[in-house]
C-alpha cells in the first residue's frame, strides 16, 4: 500500500526533514527527523498520517521498534485508541522475552519483546520511522506473529525505496508516508 496521504501534507513533512550528506559515512544522505519531531504541527501531521489507514481496522496494539519507532508508535497508538508495545535491543526488557536475530550489513543483531506482550488474535500495526533494508521490521513481525497476533499492516514515516526493504516484508501490507528514490 502506498501513501494515500494528501500531497500537501507529504510536502510539509518532507520540508521538516533535514538531509545530512555523508553521514554516517561518505556517500550516504541521512534523513534526520529531529526537526520534524520539534515541530508541533509536523509531528501531529505525521502521527495522523501514520494512523490513517488503520482508523477503521479495530486495532488492539501498535508495536514500535527501538528507538524512533517508540516516538511515533506511542503517538499513533493514542490516535487509534489502543495500546503500545515496545520492541527493544537485548537486555532492556525486565520480564521474560522472546528474541529474533536479523542480518546487518556486517554481522547480525537481535531484538526482543516481552513474551506476554501480545496475545493470540490481537490485531496489530507494526511501526517504525524508517524502512531501509527491512531486516529490523521483518524480525519484529516474526516475533509478533510467533505470539499469534494478526499483523494488519506495517507502517513507516519514511521509505528508502532504492534499498528494496518492502521486498522482505511481502507477508504484510506496507504503508509509507514519504519515499526517497535515490541516496
Protein backbone atom coordinates (compact mmCIF):
# COMPACT_ATOMS: atom_id res chain seq x y z
CA UNK A 1 0.00 0.00 0.00
CA UNK A 2 1.47 3.36 -0.95
CA UNK A 3 0.64 6.51 0.89
CA UNK A 4 -2.80 7.96 0.23
CA UNK A 5 -1.75 10.97 2.28
CA UNK A 6 -2.55 14.40 0.87
CA UNK A 7 0.43 15.56 -1.25
CA UNK A 8 0.45 18.90 0.61
CA UNK A 9 0.91 17.02 3.90
CA UNK A 10 3.73 14.97 2.40
CA UNK A 11 5.41 18.16 1.14
CA UNK A 12 5.07 19.77 4.59
CA UNK A 13 6.58 16.71 6.29
CA UNK A 14 9.43 16.50 3.77
CA UNK A 15 10.21 20.17 4.38
CA UNK A 16 10.76 19.31 8.06
CA UNK A 17 13.24 16.50 7.38
CA UNK A 18 16.86 17.60 7.24
CA UNK A 19 19.17 15.88 4.73
CA UNK A 20 22.68 15.40 6.13
CA UNK A 21 25.19 14.43 3.41
CA UNK A 22 27.99 11.97 4.17
CA UNK A 23 26.53 10.75 7.47
CA UNK A 24 27.22 8.26 8.95
CA UNK A 25 29.77 7.70 6.15
CA UNK A 26 30.67 9.20 2.77
CA UNK A 27 28.05 8.72 0.06
CA UNK A 28 25.10 8.38 2.47
CA UNK A 29 22.46 11.09 2.86
CA UNK A 30 20.98 10.73 6.34
CA UNK A 31 17.31 11.74 6.65
CA UNK A 32 17.19 13.50 10.03
CA UNK A 33 13.68 13.63 11.52
CA UNK A 34 14.61 15.67 14.61
CA UNK A 35 13.39 18.97 13.06
CA UNK A 36 10.05 17.27 12.33
CA UNK A 37 9.84 15.99 15.91
CA UNK A 38 10.49 19.51 17.22
CA UNK A 39 7.68 20.98 15.09
CA UNK A 40 4.31 20.52 16.84
CA UNK A 41 2.19 20.68 13.68
CA UNK A 42 4.57 18.46 11.74
CA UNK A 43 4.64 15.83 14.48
CA UNK A 44 0.85 15.84 14.68
CA UNK A 45 0.52 15.57 10.87
CA UNK A 46 2.97 12.65 10.78
CA UNK A 47 1.14 10.75 13.51
CA UNK A 48 -2.26 11.31 11.90
CA UNK A 49 -0.91 10.16 8.51
CA UNK A 50 0.66 7.03 10.03
CA UNK A 51 -2.61 6.16 11.80
CA UNK A 52 -4.99 6.98 8.91
CA UNK A 53 -5.13 3.60 7.09
CA UNK A 54 -5.93 1.79 10.34
CA UNK A 55 -8.66 4.01 11.85
CA UNK A 56 -11.49 1.62 10.99
CA UNK A 57 -9.45 -1.59 11.40
CA UNK A 58 -10.18 -2.33 15.11
CA UNK A 59 -6.52 -2.25 16.08
CA UNK A 60 -5.62 -3.62 19.53
CA UNK A 61 -1.93 -2.69 19.64
CA UNK A 62 0.77 -0.71 17.91
CA UNK A 63 4.19 -2.35 18.13
CA UNK A 64 7.14 0.02 17.71
CA UNK A 65 10.78 -0.78 17.05
CA UNK A 66 13.56 0.78 19.13
CA UNK A 67 14.16 3.63 19.19
CA UNK A 68 12.38 6.10 16.93
CA UNK A 69 9.52 3.65 16.48
CA UNK A 70 8.75 4.38 20.14
CA UNK A 71 8.22 8.07 19.41
CA UNK A 72 5.74 7.53 16.61
CA UNK A 73 4.34 4.23 17.88
CA UNK A 74 3.06 5.59 21.17
CA UNK A 75 1.54 8.64 19.48
CA UNK A 76 -0.12 6.52 16.77
CA UNK A 77 -1.48 4.17 19.45
CA UNK A 78 -3.06 7.21 21.07
CA UNK A 79 -4.53 8.24 17.69
CA UNK A 80 -6.01 4.73 17.30
CA UNK A 81 -7.14 4.47 20.93
CA UNK A 82 -5.16 1.29 21.53
CA UNK A 83 -2.12 0.09 23.45
CA UNK A 84 1.57 0.33 22.59
CA UNK A 85 4.24 -2.39 22.83
CA UNK A 86 7.99 -1.71 22.50
CA UNK A 87 10.45 -4.00 20.74
CA UNK A 88 13.88 -3.49 22.29
CA UNK A 89 17.50 -4.39 21.92
CA UNK A 90 18.63 -7.33 24.10
CA UNK A 91 18.74 -6.90 27.86
CA UNK A 92 16.43 -3.87 28.05
CA UNK A 93 13.13 -5.55 28.97
CA UNK A 94 12.65 -6.72 32.60
CA UNK A 95 10.36 -9.74 32.20
CA UNK A 96 10.61 -12.95 30.15
CA UNK A 97 11.24 -12.19 26.47
CA UNK A 98 11.39 -13.85 23.11
CA UNK A 99 14.03 -12.76 20.63
CA UNK A 100 14.71 -12.71 16.92
CA UNK A 101 18.08 -12.34 15.22
CA UNK A 102 18.38 -10.42 11.98
CA UNK A 103 21.05 -9.69 9.42
CA UNK A 104 23.06 -6.48 9.36
CA UNK A 105 25.40 -5.34 6.61
CA UNK A 106 28.30 -6.88 8.59
CA UNK A 107 27.02 -9.49 11.04
CA UNK A 108 23.80 -9.95 12.97
CA UNK A 109 21.83 -8.26 15.70
CA UNK A 110 18.88 -9.25 17.84
CA UNK A 111 15.62 -7.75 19.06
CA UNK A 112 13.35 -8.74 21.96
CA UNK A 113 9.74 -8.38 23.01
CA UNK A 114 8.06 -9.44 26.24
CA UNK A 115 6.71 -12.97 25.80
CA UNK A 116 3.31 -11.87 27.16
CA UNK A 117 3.11 -8.50 25.34
CA UNK A 118 0.88 -9.65 22.51
CA UNK A 119 -1.98 -12.14 22.74
CA UNK A 120 -3.23 -14.53 20.05
CA UNK A 121 -5.68 -12.94 17.60
CA UNK A 122 -4.89 -9.37 18.66
CA UNK A 123 -4.88 -7.01 15.69
CA UNK A 124 -1.53 -5.25 15.48
CA UNK A 125 0.05 -2.43 13.48
CA UNK A 126 3.83 -2.61 13.28
CA UNK A 127 5.54 0.77 13.13
CA UNK A 128 8.96 2.33 12.70
CA UNK A 129 10.23 5.66 11.45
CA UNK A 130 12.24 4.28 8.53
CA UNK A 131 12.10 1.38 6.09
CA UNK A 132 15.56 0.74 4.63
CA UNK A 133 16.50 -2.92 4.06
CA UNK A 134 13.54 -4.27 6.05
CA UNK A 135 15.59 -6.51 8.35
CA UNK A 136 14.60 -4.84 11.60
CA UNK A 137 10.89 -4.82 10.81
CA UNK A 138 10.93 -8.37 9.50
CA UNK A 139 12.43 -9.52 12.82
CA UNK A 140 9.76 -7.56 14.71
CA UNK A 141 6.98 -9.08 12.62
CA UNK A 142 8.33 -12.60 13.05
CA UNK A 143 8.22 -12.23 16.84
CA UNK A 144 4.71 -10.79 16.89
CA UNK A 145 3.45 -13.45 14.50
CA UNK A 146 5.04 -16.18 16.68
CA UNK A 147 2.92 -14.88 19.57
CA UNK A 148 -0.22 -15.49 17.50
CA UNK A 149 -1.21 -11.91 16.67
CA UNK A 150 -2.64 -10.76 13.36
CA UNK A 151 -0.44 -8.13 11.73
CA UNK A 152 -2.85 -5.79 9.98
CA UNK A 153 -0.10 -3.64 8.46
CA UNK A 154 3.42 -2.34 8.66
CA UNK A 155 3.76 1.44 8.70
CA UNK A 156 6.72 3.80 8.20
CA UNK A 157 7.15 7.56 8.10
CA UNK A 158 9.98 7.23 5.54
CA UNK A 159 10.77 4.55 2.98
CA UNK A 160 14.10 4.45 1.15
CA UNK A 161 12.75 2.70 -1.94
CA UNK A 162 16.17 2.20 -3.55
CA UNK A 163 17.07 -0.28 -0.76
CA UNK A 164 14.06 -2.52 -1.58
CA UNK A 165 13.11 -3.18 2.05
CA UNK A 166 9.49 -3.66 1.04
CA UNK A 167 10.57 -6.86 -0.75
CA UNK A 168 11.37 -8.64 2.55
CA UNK A 169 8.01 -7.64 4.05
CA UNK A 170 5.76 -9.23 1.43
CA UNK A 171 3.74 -11.14 4.06
CA UNK A 172 2.21 -7.86 5.26
CA UNK A 173 0.70 -4.71 3.73
CA UNK A 174 3.31 -1.92 3.82
CA UNK A 175 2.27 1.72 4.29
CA UNK A 176 4.79 4.55 3.98
CA UNK A 177 4.18 8.28 4.04
CA UNK A 178 7.35 9.70 2.48
CA UNK A 179 9.54 7.96 -0.08
CA UNK A 180 13.05 8.75 -1.24
CA UNK A 181 14.03 7.10 -4.53
CA UNK A 182 17.73 7.99 -4.51
CA UNK A 183 20.54 8.04 -1.96
